[in-house]
Amino acid sequence: TDSLFDYLEKYNLELESHFTSLLGKHTRKPWSRFVNSENQHLACADAIDLIDKMLIYDHCQRILPKEAMNHPYFRPVLEEEQQKAANLSASSVKA
């Protein structure tokens, strides 16, 4: 919750008092703490890094969608699309 309160202070925002009492005070937990046997096949380092960059309170520090699409997590998708485009281009040249 420290980063939430830092965000609120930075932008001079106020949290309604009933939310403050509901939130309590918690330290930031590493994302690896949430990895278990059921989701570990999805929790590669790139996925965790992207999630970390997306889930930031401060909108000025949060990764932008275009930046997220260029994140290494999506590299396999980009490479596959590039390969499809190359194959399509090669097949149209042959025709």
PDB file of N, CA and C in Angstrom:
ATOM      1  N   THR A   1       0.812  -1.209   0.000  1.00  0.00           N
ATOM      2  CA  THR A   1       0.000   0.000   0.000  1.00  0.00           C
ATOM      3  C   THR A   1       0.850   1.266   0.000  1.00  0.00           C
ATOM      4  N   ASP A   2       2.136   1.134   0.306  1.00  0.00           N
ATOM      5  CA  ASP A   2       2.990   2.328   0.300  1.00  0.00           C
ATOM      6  C   ASP A   2       2.992   3.000  -1.064  1.00  0.00           C
ATOM      7  N   SER A   3       3.087   2.205  -2.130  1.00  0.00           N
ATOM      8  CA  SER A   3       3.126   2.814  -3.467  1.00  0.00           C
ATOM      9  C   SER A   3       1.786   3.456  -3.820  1.00  0.00           C
ATOM     10  N   LEU A   4       0.694   2.930  -3.308  1.00  0.00           N
ATOM     11  CA  LEU A   4      -0.608   3.567  -3.530  1.00  0.00           C
ATOM     12  C   LEU A   4      -0.637   4.937  -2.850  1.00  0.00           C
ATOM     13  N   PHE A   5      -0.185   4.983  -1.620  1.00  0.00           N
ATOM     14  CA  PHE A   5      -0.194   6.256  -0.899  1.00  0.00           C
ATOM     15  C   PHE A   5       0.814   7.239  -1.490  1.00  0.00           C
ATOM     16  N   ASP A   6       1.937   6.739  -1.993  1.00  0.00           N
ATOM     17  CA  ASP A   6       2.894   7.612  -2.695  1.00  0.00           C
ATOM     18  C   ASP A   6       2.241   8.226  -3.928  1.00  0.00           C
ATOM     19  N   TYR A   7       1.494   7.403  -4.665  1.00  0.00           N
ATOM     20  CA  TYR A   7       0.785   7.866  -5.864  1.00  0.00           C
ATOM     21  C   TYR A   7      -0.243   8.939  -5.501  1.00  0.00           C
ATOM     22  N   LEU A   8      -1.023   8.669  -4.472  1.00  0.00           N
ATOM     23  CA  LEU A   8      -2.044   9.629  -4.046  1.00  0.00           C
ATOM     24  C   LEU A   8      -1.413  10.955  -3.631  1.00  0.00           C
ATOM     25  N   GLU A   9      -0.306  10.873  -2.909  1.00  0.00           N
ATOM     26  CA  GLU A   9       0.375  12.093  -2.470  1.00  0.00           C
ATOM     27  C   GLU A   9       0.976  12.843  -3.658  1.00  0.00           C
ATOM     28  N   LYS A  10       1.586  12.116  -4.574  1.00  0.00           N
ATOM     29  CA  LYS A  10       2.229  12.742  -5.738  1.00  0.00           C
ATOM     30  C   LYS A  10       1.245  13.582  -6.544  1.00  0.00           C
ATOM     31  N   TYR A  11       0.027  13.069  -6.712  1.00  0.00           N
ATOM     32  CA  TYR A  11      -0.975  13.755  -7.525  1.00  0.00           C
ATOM     33  C   TYR A  11      -2.014  14.495  -6.684  1.00  0.00           C
ATOM     34  N   ASN A  12      -1.715  14.640  -5.398  1.00  0.00           N
ATOM     35  CA  ASN A  12      -2.582  15.374  -4.487  1.00  0.00           C
ATOM     36  C   ASN A  12      -4.020  14.838  -4.521  1.00  0.00           C
ATOM     37  N   LEU A  13      -4.132  13.522  -4.429  1.00  0.00           N
ATOM     38  CA  LEU A  13      -5.432  12.856  -4.438  1.00  0.00           C
ATOM     39  C   LEU A  13      -5.763  12.377  -3.031  1.00  0.00           C
ATOM     40  N   GLU A  14      -7.044  12.250  -2.758  1.00  0.00           N
ATOM     41  CA  GLU A  14      -7.469  11.752  -1.456  1.00  0.00           C
ATOM     42  C   GLU A  14      -8.290  10.492  -1.639  1.00  0.00           C
ATOM     43  N   LEU A  15      -8.010   9.534  -0.795  1.00  0.00           N
ATOM     44  CA  LEU A  15      -8.761   8.289  -0.783  1.00  0.00           C
ATOM     45  C   LEU A  15      -9.861   8.433   0.261  1.00  0.00           C
ATOM     46  N   GLU A  16     -11.055   8.024  -0.084  1.00  0.00           N
ATOM     47  CA  GLU A  16     -12.140   8.116   0.891  1.00  0.00           C
ATOM     48  C   GLU A  16     -11.780   7.296   2.121  1.00  0.00           C
ATOM     49  N   SER A  17     -12.136   7.803   3.269  1.00  0.00           N
ATOM     50  CA  SER A  17     -11.700   7.209   4.539  1.00  0.00           C
ATOM     51  C   SER A  17     -12.108   5.747   4.692  1.00  0.00           C
ATOM     52  N   HIS A  18     -13.267   5.372   4.178  1.00  0.00           N
ATOM     53  CA  HIS A  18     -13.670   3.971   4.347  1.00  0.00           C
ATOM     54  C   HIS A  18     -12.769   3.036   3.533  1.00  0.00           C
ATOM     55  N   PHE A  19     -12.174   3.524   2.443  1.00  0.00           N
ATOM     56  CA  PHE A  19     -11.226   2.707   1.687  1.00  0.00           C
ATOM     57  C   PHE A  19      -9.915   2.553   2.455  1.00  0.00           C
ATOM     58  N   THR A  20      -9.501   3.616   3.108  1.00  0.00           N
ATOM     59  CA  THR A  20      -8.260   3.566   3.881  1.00  0.00           C
ATOM     60  C   THR A  20      -8.348   2.489   4.951  1.00  0.00           C
ATOM     61  N   SER A  21      -9.473   2.425   5.637  1.00  0.00           N
ATOM     62  CA  SER A  21      -9.625   1.420   6.692  1.00  0.00           C
ATOM     63  C   SER A  21      -9.738   0.013   6.106  1.00  0.00           C
ATOM     64  N   LEU A  22     -10.312  -0.122   4.924  1.00  0.00           N
ATOM     65  CA  LEU A  22     -10.408  -1.433   4.277  1.00  0.00           C
ATOM     66  C   LEU A  22      -9.052  -1.940   3.793  1.00  0.00           C
ATOM     67  N   LEU A  23      -8.227  -1.036   3.297  1.00  0.00           N
ATOM     68  CA  LEU A  23      -6.939  -1.416   2.727  1.00  0.00           C
ATOM     69  C   LEU A  23      -5.961  -1.949   3.752  1.00  0.00           C
ATOM     70  N   GLY A  24      -5.889  -1.315   4.883  1.00  0.00           N
ATOM     71  CA  GLY A  24      -4.869  -1.693   5.850  1.00  0.00           C
ATOM     72  C   GLY A  24      -3.498  -1.287   5.338  1.00  0.00           C
ATOM     73  N   LYS A  25      -2.461  -1.913   5.869  1.00  0.00           N
ATOM     74  CA  LYS A  25      -1.093  -1.609   5.449  1.00  0.00           C
ATOM     75  C   LYS A  25      -0.423  -2.924   5.086  1.00  0.00           C
ATOM     76  N   HIS A  26       0.037  -3.020   3.853  1.00  0.00           N
ATOM     77  CA  HIS A  26       0.656  -4.250   3.367  1.00  0.00           C
ATOM     78  C   HIS A  26       1.922  -3.915   2.591  1.00  0.00           C
ATOM     79  N   THR A  27       2.922  -4.748   2.740  1.00  0.00           N
ATOM     80  CA  THR A  27       4.143  -4.564   1.958  1.00  0.00           C
ATOM     81  C   THR A  27       3.941  -5.188   0.586  1.00  0.00           C
ATOM     82  N   ARG A  28       4.710  -4.695  -0.369  1.00  0.00           N
ATOM     83  CA  ARG A  28       4.624  -5.228  -1.731  1.00  0.00           C
ATOM     84  C   ARG A  28       5.187  -6.646  -1.746  1.00  0.00           C
ATOM     85  N   LYS A  29       4.470  -7.537  -2.385  1.00  0.00           N
ATOM     86  CA  LYS A  29       4.891  -8.935  -2.480  1.00  0.00           C
ATOM     87  C   LYS A  29       5.450  -9.191  -3.876  1.00  0.00           C
ATOM     88  N   PRO A  30       6.499  -9.975  -3.973  1.00  0.00           N
ATOM     89  CA  PRO A  30       7.018 -10.301  -5.310  1.00  0.00           C
ATOM     90  C   PRO A  30       6.009 -11.180  -6.054  1.00  0.00           C
ATOM     91  N   TRP A  31       5.915 -10.966  -7.368  1.00  0.00           N
ATOM     92  CA  TRP A  31       4.958 -11.741  -8.163  1.00  0.00           C
ATOM     93  C   TRP A  31       5.242 -13.229  -8.072  1.00  0.00           C
ATOM     94  N   SER A  32       6.486 -13.601  -7.874  1.00  0.00           N
ATOM     95  CA  SER A  32       6.838 -15.023  -7.785  1.00  0.00           C
ATOM     96  C   SER A  32       6.107 -15.708  -6.631  1.00  0.00           C
ATOM     97  N   ARG A  33       5.683 -14.941  -5.663  1.00  0.00           N
ATOM     98  CA  ARG A  33       4.948 -15.507  -4.529  1.00  0.00           C
ATOM     99  C   ARG A  33       3.586 -16.070  -4.963  1.00  0.00           C
ATOM    100  N   PHE A  34       3.069 -15.588  -6.067  1.00  0.00           N
ATOM    101  CA  PHE A  34       1.754 -16.020  -6.536  1.00  0.00           C
ATOM    102  C   PHE A  34       1.831 -17.174  -7.535  1.00  0.00           C
ATOM    103  N   VAL A  35       3.041 -17.596  -7.845  1.00  0.00           N
ATOM    104  CA  VAL A  35       3.225 -18.719  -8.766  1.00  0.00           C
ATOM    105  C   VAL A  35       3.051 -20.009  -7.978  1.00  0.00           C
ATOM    106  N   ASN A  36       2.231 -20.900  -8.529  1.00  0.00           N
ATOM    107  CA  ASN A  36       2.023 -22.197  -7.884  1.00  0.00           C
ATOM    108  C   ASN A  36       2.036 -23.293  -8.950  1.00  0.00           C
ATOM    109  N   SER A  37       1.795 -24.515  -8.541  1.00  0.00           N
ATOM    110  CA  SER A  37       1.874 -25.643  -9.476  1.00  0.00           C
ATOM    111  C   SER A  37       0.846 -25.538 -10.600  1.00  0.00           C
ATOM    112  N   GLU A  38      -0.263 -24.849 -10.359  1.00  0.00           N
ATOM    113  CA  GLU A  38      -1.305 -24.736 -11.378  1.00  0.00           C
ATOM    114  C   GLU A  38      -1.000 -23.679 -12.439  1.00  0.00           C
ATOM    115  N   ASN A  39      -0.195 -22.671 -12.092  1.00  0.00           N
ATOM    116  CA  ASN A  39       0.053 -21.600 -13.057  1.00  0.00           C
ATOM    117  C   ASN A  39       1.521 -21.436 -13.442  1.00  0.00           C
ATOM    118  N   GLN A  40       2.391 -22.283 -12.909  1.00  0.00           N
ATOM    119  CA  GLN A  40       3.821 -22.093 -13.163  1.00  0.00           C
ATOM    120  C   GLN A  40       4.183 -22.220 -14.638  1.00  0.00           C
ATOM    121  N   HIS A  41       3.392 -22.948 -15.416  1.00  0.00           N
ATOM    122  CA  HIS A  41       3.675 -23.067 -16.850  1.00  0.00           C
ATOM    123  C   HIS A  41       3.410 -21.742 -17.587  1.00  0.00           C
ATOM    124  N   LEU A  42       2.701 -20.836 -16.966  1.00  0.00           N
ATOM    125  CA  LEU A  42       2.411 -19.524 -17.558  1.00  0.00           C
ATOM    126  C   LEU A  42       3.318 -18.424 -17.013  1.00  0.00           C
ATOM    127  N   ALA A  43       4.063 -18.727 -15.979  1.00  0.00           N
ATOM    128  CA  ALA A  43       4.784 -17.703 -15.224  1.00  0.00           C
ATOM    129  C   ALA A  43       6.261 -17.610 -15.596  1.00  0.00           C
ATOM    130  N   CYS A  44       6.538 -17.417 -16.869  1.00  0.00           N
ATOM    131  CA  CYS A  44       7.931 -17.223 -17.275  1.00  0.00           C
ATOM    132  C   CYS A  44       8.390 -15.832 -16.825  1.00  0.00           C
ATOM    133  N   ALA A  45       9.687 -15.619 -16.809  1.00  0.00           N
ATOM    134  CA  ALA A  45      10.244 -14.343 -16.343  1.00  0.00           C
ATOM    135  C   ALA A  45       9.705 -13.161 -17.146  1.00  0.00           C
ATOM    136  N   ASP A  46       9.554 -13.330 -18.466  1.00  0.00           N
ATOM    137  CA  ASP A  46       9.036 -12.236 -19.296  1.00  0.00           C
ATOM    138  C   ASP A  46       7.588 -11.900 -18.948  1.00  0.00           C
ATOM    139  N   ALA A  47       6.775 -12.915 -18.672  1.00  0.00           N
ATOM    140  CA  ALA A  47       5.375 -12.672 -18.299  1.00  0.00           C
ATOM    141  C   ALA A  47       5.297 -11.909 -16.978  1.00  0.00           C
ATOM    142  N   ILE A  48       6.093 -12.325 -16.018  1.00  0.00           N
ATOM    143  CA  ILE A  48       6.089 -11.659 -14.717  1.00  0.00           C
ATOM    144  C   ILE A  48       6.588 -10.225 -14.850  1.00  0.00           C
ATOM    145  N   ASP A  49       7.616 -10.009 -15.672  1.00  0.00           N
ATOM    146  CA  ASP A  49       8.132  -8.658 -15.885  1.00  0.00           C
ATOM    147  C   ASP A  49       7.074  -7.761 -16.524  1.00  0.00           C
ATOM    148  N   LEU A  50       6.359  -8.279 -17.520  1.00  0.00           N
ATOM    149  CA  LEU A  50       5.317  -7.493 -18.182  1.00  0.00           C
ATOM    150  C   LEU A  50       4.190  -7.156 -17.207  1.00  0.00           C
ATOM    151  N   ILE A  51       3.757  -8.126 -16.445  1.00  0.00           N
ATOM    152  CA  ILE A  51       2.703  -7.882 -15.448  1.00  0.00           C
ATOM    153  C   ILE A  51       3.143  -6.805 -14.467  1.00  0.00           C
ATOM    154  N   ASP A  52       4.392  -6.895 -14.030  1.00  0.00           N
ATOM    155  CA  ASP A  52       4.922  -5.911 -13.091  1.00  0.00           C
ATOM    156  C   ASP A  52       4.888  -4.505 -13.684  1.00  0.00           C
ATOM    157  N   LYS A  53       5.183  -4.381 -14.964  1.00  0.00           N
ATOM    158  CA  LYS A  53       5.198  -3.074 -15.622  1.00  0.00           C
ATOM    159  C   LYS A  53       3.790  -2.560 -15.924  1.00  0.00           C
ATOM    160  N   MET A  54       2.823  -3.468 -16.022  1.00  0.00           N
ATOM    161  CA  MET A  54       1.445  -3.068 -16.311  1.00  0.00           C
ATOM    162  C   MET A  54       0.676  -2.673 -15.048  1.00  0.00           C
ATOM    163  N   LEU A  55       0.994  -3.332 -13.952  1.00  0.00           N
ATOM    164  CA  LEU A  55       0.231  -3.112 -12.720  1.00  0.00           C
ATOM    165  C   LEU A  55       0.945  -2.123 -11.800  1.00  0.00           C
ATOM    166  N   ILE A  56       1.065  -0.912 -12.276  1.00  0.00           N
ATOM    167  CA  ILE A  56       1.683   0.180 -11.530  1.00  0.00           C
ATOM    168  C   ILE A  56       0.624   1.263 -11.348  1.00  0.00           C
ATOM    169  N   TYR A  57       0.501   1.752 -10.134  1.00  0.00           N
ATOM    170  CA  TYR A  57      -0.506   2.782  -9.860  1.00  0.00           C
ATOM    171  C   TYR A  57      -0.310   4.023 -10.714  1.00  0.00           C
ATOM    172  N   ASP A  58       0.923   4.493 -10.784  1.00  0.00           N
ATOM    173  CA  ASP A  58       1.204   5.760 -11.458  1.00  0.00           C
ATOM    174  C   ASP A  58       1.137   5.591 -12.972  1.00  0.00           C
ATOM    175  N   HIS A  59       0.167   6.220 -13.571  1.00  0.00           N
ATOM    176  CA  HIS A  59      -0.049   6.103 -15.012  1.00  0.00           C
ATOM    177  C   HIS A  59       1.132   6.631 -15.820  1.00  0.00           C
ATOM    178  N   CYS A  60       1.916   7.530 -15.245  1.00  0.00           N
ATOM    179  CA  CYS A  60       3.086   8.070 -15.957  1.00  0.00           C
ATOM    180  C   CYS A  60       4.258   7.092 -15.954  1.00  0.00           C
ATOM    181  N   GLN A  61       4.255   6.161 -15.039  1.00  0.00           N
ATOM    182  CA  GLN A  61       5.320   5.165 -14.957  1.00  0.00           C
ATOM    183  C   GLN A  61       4.912   3.830 -15.574  1.00  0.00           C
ATOM    184  N   ARG A  62       3.617   3.626 -15.749  1.00  0.00           N
ATOM    185  CA  ARG A  62       3.085   2.369 -16.281  1.00  0.00           C
ATOM    186  C   ARG A  62       3.470   2.213 -17.746  1.00  0.00           C
ATOM    187  N   ILE A  63       3.718   0.989 -18.165  1.00  0.00           N
ATOM    188  CA  ILE A  63       4.052   0.704 -19.556  1.00  0.00           C
ATOM    189  C   ILE A  63       2.847   1.035 -20.445  1.00  0.00           C
ATOM    190  N   LEU A  64       3.117   1.658 -21.574  1.00  0.00           N
ATOM    191  CA  LEU A  64       2.059   1.992 -22.531  1.00  0.00           C
ATOM    192  C   LEU A  64       1.716   0.759 -23.366  1.00  0.00           C
ATOM    193  N   PRO A  65       0.501   0.684 -23.911  1.00  0.00           N
ATOM    194  CA  PRO A  65       0.125  -0.482 -24.716  1.00  0.00           C
ATOM    195  C   PRO A  65       1.100  -0.774 -25.858  1.00  0.00           C
ATOM    196  N   LYS A  66       1.536   0.257 -26.561  1.00  0.00           N
ATOM    197  CA  LYS A  66       2.469   0.038 -27.672  1.00  0.00           C
ATOM    198  C   LYS A  66       3.797  -0.513 -27.156  1.00  0.00           C
ATOM    199  N   GLU A  67       4.251  -0.007 -26.020  1.00  0.00           N
ATOM    200  CA  GLU A  67       5.477  -0.526 -25.410  1.00  0.00           C
ATOM    201  C   GLU A  67       5.279  -1.973 -24.968  1.00  0.00           C
ATOM    202  N   ALA A  68       4.109  -2.256 -24.426  1.00  0.00           N
ATOM    203  CA  ALA A  68       3.817  -3.620 -23.979  1.00  0.00           C
ATOM    204  C   ALA A  68       3.852  -4.597 -25.148  1.00  0.00           C
ATOM    205  N   MET A  69       3.338  -4.174 -26.290  1.00  0.00           N
ATOM    206  CA  MET A  69       3.345  -5.060 -27.458  1.00  0.00           C
ATOM    207  C   MET A  69       4.768  -5.335 -27.956  1.00  0.00           C
ATOM    208  N   ASN A  70       5.709  -4.464 -27.625  1.00  0.00           N
ATOM    209  CA  ASN A  70       7.108  -4.667 -27.998  1.00  0.00           C
ATOM    210  C   ASN A  70       7.909  -5.353 -26.894  1.00  0.00           C
ATOM    211  N   HIS A  71       7.248  -5.729 -25.827  1.00  0.00           N
ATOM    212  CA  HIS A  71       7.922  -6.393 -24.705  1.00  0.00           C
ATOM    213  C   HIS A  71       8.381  -7.789 -25.141  1.00  0.00           C
ATOM    214  N   PRO A  72       9.499  -8.269 -24.602  1.00  0.00           N
ATOM    215  CA  PRO A  72       9.997  -9.607 -24.966  1.00  0.00           C
ATOM    216  C   PRO A  72       8.977 -10.732 -24.789  1.00  0.00           C
ATOM    217  N   TYR A  73       7.996 -10.555 -23.913  1.00  0.00           N
ATOM    218  CA  TYR A  73       6.972 -11.592 -23.737  1.00  0.00           C
ATOM    219  C   TYR A  73       6.259 -11.894 -25.053  1.00  0.00           C
ATOM    220  N   PHE A  74       6.067 -10.876 -25.866  1.00  0.00           N
ATOM    221  CA  PHE A  74       5.343 -11.036 -27.126  1.00  0.00           C
ATOM    222  C   PHE A  74       6.253 -11.360 -28.305  1.00  0.00           C
ATOM    223  N   ARG A  75       7.544 -11.517 -28.077  1.00  0.00           N
ATOM    224  CA  ARG A  75       8.481 -11.796 -29.166  1.00  0.00           C
ATOM    225  C   ARG A  75       8.067 -13.025 -29.992  1.00  0.00           C
ATOM    226  N   PRO A  76       7.657 -14.139 -29.373  1.00  0.00           N
ATOM    227  CA  PRO A  76       7.242 -15.293 -30.186  1.00  0.00           C
ATOM    228  C   PRO A  76       6.077 -14.973 -31.128  1.00  0.00           C
ATOM    229  N   VAL A  77       5.154 -14.153 -30.683  1.00  0.00           N
ATOM    230  CA  VAL A  77       4.017 -13.768 -31.524  1.00  0.00           C
ATOM    231  C   VAL A  77       4.508 -12.932 -32.699  1.00  0.00           C
ATOM    232  N   LEU A  78       5.381 -11.979 -32.422  1.00  0.00           N
ATOM    233  CA  LEU A  78       5.936 -11.129 -33.471  1.00  0.00           C
ATOM    234  C   LEU A  78       6.710 -11.959 -34.491  1.00  0.00           C
ATOM    235  N   GLU A  79       7.536 -12.878 -33.997  1.00  0.00           N
ATOM    236  CA  GLU A  79       8.321 -13.723 -34.903  1.00  0.00           C
ATOM    237  C   GLU A  79       7.414 -14.589 -35.774  1.00  0.00           C
ATOM    238  N   GLU A  80       6.344 -15.114 -35.191  1.00  0.00           N
ATOM    239  CA  GLU A  80       5.398 -15.932 -35.957  1.00  0.00           C
ATOM    240  C   GLU A  80       4.719 -15.098 -37.042  1.00  0.00           C
ATOM    241  N   GLU A  81       4.314 -13.884 -36.700  1.00  0.00           N
ATOM    242  CA  GLU A  81       3.674 -13.005 -37.683  1.00  0.00           C
ATOM    243  C   GLU A  81       4.649 -12.618 -38.793  1.00  0.00           C
ATOM    244  N   GLN A  82       5.893 -12.376 -38.428  1.00  0.00           N
ATOM    245  CA  GLN A  82       6.903 -12.045 -39.435  1.00  0.00           C
ATOM    246  C   GLN A  82       7.143 -13.231 -40.368  1.00  0.00           C
ATOM    247  N   GLN A  83       7.137 -14.431 -39.810  1.00  0.00           N
ATOM    248  CA  GLN A  83       7.325 -15.635 -40.622  1.00  0.00           C
ATOM    249  C   GLN A  83       6.143 -15.830 -41.569  1.00  0.00           C
ATOM    250  N   LYS A  84       4.939 -15.608 -41.086  1.00  0.00           N
ATOM    251  CA  LYS A  84       3.755 -15.718 -41.947  1.00  0.00           C
ATOM    252  C   LYS A  84       3.829 -14.712 -43.089  1.00  0.00           C
ATOM    253  N   ALA A  85       4.228 -13.488 -42.766  1.00  0.00           N
ATOM    254  CA  ALA A  85       4.337 -12.447 -43.793  1.00  0.00           C
ATOM    255  C   ALA A  85       5.402 -12.811 -44.816  1.00  0.00           C
ATOM    256  N   ALA A  86       6.525 -13.354 -44.358  1.00  0.00           N
ATOM    257  CA  ALA A  86       7.596 -13.759 -45.273  1.00  0.00           C
ATOM    258  C   ALA A  86       7.127 -14.898 -46.167  1.00  0.00           C
ATOM    259  N   ASN A  87       6.419 -15.858 -45.599  1.00  0.00           N
ATOM    260  CA  ASN A  87       5.901 -16.982 -46.386  1.00  0.00           C
ATOM    261  C   ASN A  87       4.878 -16.510 -47.408  1.00  0.00           C
ATOM    262  N   LEU A  88       4.018 -15.596 -47.011  1.00  0.00           N
ATOM    263  CA  LEU A  88       3.009 -15.054 -47.914  1.00  0.00           C
ATOM    264  C   LEU A  88       3.681 -14.295 -49.050  1.00  0.00           C
ATOM    265  N   SER A  89       4.682 -13.519 -48.714  1.00  0.00           N
ATOM    266  CA  SER A  89       5.419 -12.760 -49.719  1.00  0.00           C
ATOM    267  C   SER A  89       6.134 -13.695 -50.694  1.00  0.00           C
ATOM    268  N   ALA A  90       6.747 -14.742 -50.169  1.00  0.00           N
ATOM    269  CA  ALA A  90       7.460 -15.704 -51.014  1.00  0.00           C
ATOM    270  C   ALA A  90       6.496 -16.449 -51.927  1.00  0.00           C
ATOM    271  N   SER A  91       5.320 -16.807 -51.413  1.00  0.00           N
ATOM    272  CA  SER A  91       4.361 -17.544 -52.238  1.00  0.00           C
ATOM    273  C   SER A  91       3.747 -16.653 -53.313  1.00  0.00           C
ATOM    274  N   SER A  92       3.592 -15.360 -53.041  1.00  0.00           N
ATOM    275  CA  SER A  92       3.033 -14.465 -54.059  1.00  0.00           C
ATOM    276  C   SER A  92       4.061 -14.168 -55.146  1.00  0.00           C
ATOM    277  N   VAL A  93       5.339 -14.212 -54.822  1.00  0.00           N
ATOM    278  CA  VAL A  93       6.394 -14.004 -55.820  1.00  0.00           C
ATOM    279  C   VAL A  93       6.443 -15.193 -56.776  1.00  0.00           C
ATOM    280  N   LYS A  94       6.219 -16.406 -56.256  1.00  0.00           N
ATOM    281  CA  LYS A  94       6.253 -17.623 -57.071  1.00  0.00           C
ATOM    282  C   LYS A  94       5.064 -17.682 -58.021  1.00  0.00           C
ATOM    283  N   ALA A  95       3.954 -17.088 -57.640  1.00  0.00           N
ATOM    284  CA  ALA A  95       2.729 -17.192 -58.436  1.00  0.00           C
ATOM    285  C   ALA A  95       2.710 -16.299 -59.618  1.00  0.00           C
TER     286      ALA A  95
END
